[in-house]
Amino acid sequence: MREEEKTEKVREFIQTFDAIEQEMEPYKDAKRDLRANYKENEWLTADEMRLAVRAYRMLKKDENLEELQEMYSKLLTTVSANRGYTDAS
């Protein structure tokens, strides 16, 4: 590929990438608002949300069930500790 063609492809890529990023921004804002709402209402802490998202991503990727159970256990322990419970089971 000639240098001019490569430069044009880079320019096209950047334009398309930027368009996609701009289309995604409202969804990113919605995710930030969702997190802020749960934090503001003290429904979940930042750590609990982070662990929940990790568990969600593991499910979405169809990852190892043992790893998911471990993540769930960590989430349950974190939630319990934040709420003053001594036993998460």
C-alpha atoms as a PDB file:
ATOM      1  CA  MET A   1       0.000   0.000   0.000  1.00  0.00           C
ATOM      2  CA  ARG A   2       1.348   3.394  -0.926  1.00  0.00           C
ATOM      3  CA  GLU A   3       2.062   5.991   1.742  1.00  0.00           C
ATOM      4  CA  GLU A   4      -0.795   8.237   0.563  1.00  0.00           C
ATOM      5  CA  GLU A   5      -3.255   5.330   0.719  1.00  0.00           C
ATOM      6  CA  LYS A   6      -2.047   4.421   4.203  1.00  0.00           C
ATOM      7  CA  THR A   7      -2.455   8.036   5.350  1.00  0.00           C
ATOM      8  CA  GLU A   8      -5.992   8.118   3.926  1.00  0.00           C
ATOM      9  CA  LYS A   9      -6.880   4.844   5.683  1.00  0.00           C
ATOM     10  CA  VAL A  10      -5.566   6.215   8.985  1.00  0.00           C
ATOM     11  CA  ARG A  11      -7.666   9.364   8.500  1.00  0.00           C
ATOM     12  CA  GLU A  12     -10.778   7.290   7.691  1.00  0.00           C
ATOM     13  CA  PHE A  13     -10.157   5.072  10.699  1.00  0.00           C
ATOM     14  CA  ILE A  14      -9.846   8.040  13.033  1.00  0.00           C
ATOM     15  CA  GLN A  15     -13.029   9.633  11.679  1.00  0.00           C
ATOM     16  CA  THR A  16     -14.995   6.414  12.053  1.00  0.00           C
ATOM     17  CA  PHE A  17     -13.539   5.726  15.492  1.00  0.00           C
ATOM     18  CA  ASP A  18     -14.467   9.244  16.609  1.00  0.00           C
ATOM     19  CA  ALA A  19     -18.028   8.814  15.324  1.00  0.00           C
ATOM     20  CA  ILE A  20     -18.394   5.579  17.292  1.00  0.00           C
ATOM     21  CA  GLU A  21     -16.956   7.187  20.437  1.00  0.00           C
ATOM     22  CA  GLN A  22     -19.447  10.055  20.129  1.00  0.00           C
ATOM     23  CA  GLU A  23     -22.339   7.599  19.702  1.00  0.00           C
ATOM     24  CA  MET A  24     -21.228   5.722  22.826  1.00  0.00           C
ATOM     25  CA  GLU A  25     -21.005   8.807  25.057  1.00  0.00           C
ATOM     26  CA  PRO A  26     -24.701   8.861  26.101  1.00  0.00           C
ATOM     27  CA  TYR A  27     -24.371   5.237  27.216  1.00  0.00           C
ATOM     28  CA  LYS A  28     -21.207   6.024  29.158  1.00  0.00           C
ATOM     29  CA  ASP A  29     -23.054   8.903  30.822  1.00  0.00           C
ATOM     30  CA  ALA A  30     -25.921   6.558  31.697  1.00  0.00           C
ATOM     31  CA  LYS A  31     -23.482   4.114  33.330  1.00  0.00           C
ATOM     32  CA  ARG A  32     -21.878   6.939  35.330  1.00  0.00           C
ATOM     33  CA  ASP A  33     -25.329   8.154  36.401  1.00  0.00           C
ATOM     34  CA  LEU A  34     -26.343   4.637  37.425  1.00  0.00           C
ATOM     35  CA  ARG A  35     -23.236   4.248  39.587  1.00  0.00           C
ATOM     36  CA  ALA A  36     -23.691   7.700  41.115  1.00  0.00           C
ATOM     37  CA  ASN A  37     -27.337   6.945  41.919  1.00  0.00           C
ATOM     38  CA  TYR A  38     -26.510   3.680  43.677  1.00  0.00           C
ATOM     39  CA  LYS A  39     -23.699   5.346  45.608  1.00  0.00           C
ATOM     40  CA  GLU A  40     -25.781   8.407  46.524  1.00  0.00           C
ATOM     41  CA  ASN A  41     -28.620   6.220  47.813  1.00  0.00           C
ATOM     42  CA  GLU A  42     -26.065   4.045  49.626  1.00  0.00           C
ATOM     43  CA  TRP A  43     -27.452   0.934  47.963  1.00  0.00           C
ATOM     44  CA  LEU A  44     -23.974  -0.272  46.957  1.00  0.00           C
ATOM     45  CA  THR A  45     -20.429   0.936  47.590  1.00  0.00           C
ATOM     46  CA  ALA A  46     -17.948   1.525  44.781  1.00  0.00           C
ATOM     47  CA  ASP A  47     -16.248  -1.789  45.668  1.00  0.00           C
ATOM     48  CA  GLU A  48     -19.549  -3.674  45.575  1.00  0.00           C
ATOM     49  CA  MET A  49     -20.393  -2.204  42.174  1.00  0.00           C
ATOM     50  CA  ARG A  50     -16.930  -3.046  40.876  1.00  0.00           C
ATOM     51  CA  LEU A  51     -17.263  -6.651  42.032  1.00  0.00           C
ATOM     52  CA  ALA A  52     -20.784  -6.909  40.583  1.00  0.00           C
ATOM     53  CA  VAL A  53     -19.517  -5.655  37.212  1.00  0.00           C
ATOM     54  CA  ARG A  54     -16.660  -8.166  37.297  1.00  0.00           C
ATOM     55  CA  ALA A  55     -19.140 -10.963  38.017  1.00  0.00           C
ATOM     56  CA  TYR A  56     -21.360  -9.712  35.172  1.00  0.00           C
ATOM     57  CA  ARG A  57     -18.431  -9.710  32.754  1.00  0.00           C
ATOM     58  CA  MET A  58     -17.445 -13.198  33.837  1.00  0.00           C
ATOM     59  CA  LEU A  59     -20.989 -14.416  33.145  1.00  0.00           C
ATOM     60  CA  LYS A  60     -21.026 -12.654  29.810  1.00  0.00           C
ATOM     61  CA  LYS A  61     -17.739 -14.323  28.810  1.00  0.00           C
ATOM     62  CA  ASP A  62     -19.027 -17.674  30.039  1.00  0.00           C
ATOM     63  CA  GLU A  63     -15.973 -18.034  32.276  1.00  0.00           C
ATOM     64  CA  ASN A  64     -15.138 -20.703  34.812  1.00  0.00           C
ATOM     65  CA  LEU A  65     -17.984 -21.313  37.292  1.00  0.00           C
ATOM     66  CA  GLU A  66     -15.516 -21.680  40.179  1.00  0.00           C
ATOM     67  CA  GLU A  67     -14.120 -18.213  39.448  1.00  0.00           C
ATOM     68  CA  LEU A  68     -17.646 -16.805  39.360  1.00  0.00           C
ATOM     69  CA  GLN A  69     -18.455 -18.446  42.691  1.00  0.00           C
ATOM     70  CA  GLU A  70     -15.267 -16.977  44.160  1.00  0.00           C
ATOM     71  CA  MET A  71     -16.228 -13.519  42.859  1.00  0.00           C
ATOM     72  CA  TYR A  72     -19.742 -13.910  44.300  1.00  0.00           C
ATOM     73  CA  SER A  73     -18.262 -14.931  47.646  1.00  0.00           C
ATOM     74  CA  LYS A  74     -16.044 -11.823  47.651  1.00  0.00           C
ATOM     75  CA  LEU A  75     -19.040  -9.651  46.784  1.00  0.00           C
ATOM     76  CA  LEU A  76     -21.140 -11.202  49.527  1.00  0.00           C
ATOM     77  CA  THR A  77     -18.309 -10.789  52.054  1.00  0.00           C
ATOM     78  CA  THR A  78     -17.825  -7.145  51.051  1.00  0.00           C
ATOM     79  CA  VAL A  79     -21.540  -6.372  51.260  1.00  0.00           C
ATOM     80  CA  SER A  80     -21.814  -8.107  54.621  1.00  0.00           C
ATOM     81  CA  ALA A  81     -18.775  -6.321  56.056  1.00  0.00           C
ATOM     82  CA  ASN A  82     -20.014  -2.932  54.835  1.00  0.00           C
ATOM     83  CA  ARG A  83     -23.369  -3.552  56.490  1.00  0.00           C
ATOM     84  CA  GLY A  84     -21.842  -4.709  59.763  1.00  0.00           C
ATOM     85  CA  TYR A  85     -22.616  -8.408  59.470  1.00  0.00           C
ATOM     86  CA  THR A  86     -20.023 -10.814  60.790  1.00  0.00           C
ATOM     87  CA  ASP A  87     -21.059 -13.913  58.822  1.00  0.00           C
ATOM     88  CA  ALA A  88     -21.748 -13.702  55.069  1.00  0.00           C
ATOM     89  CA  SER A  89     -23.360 -17.151  54.855  1.00  0.00           C
END
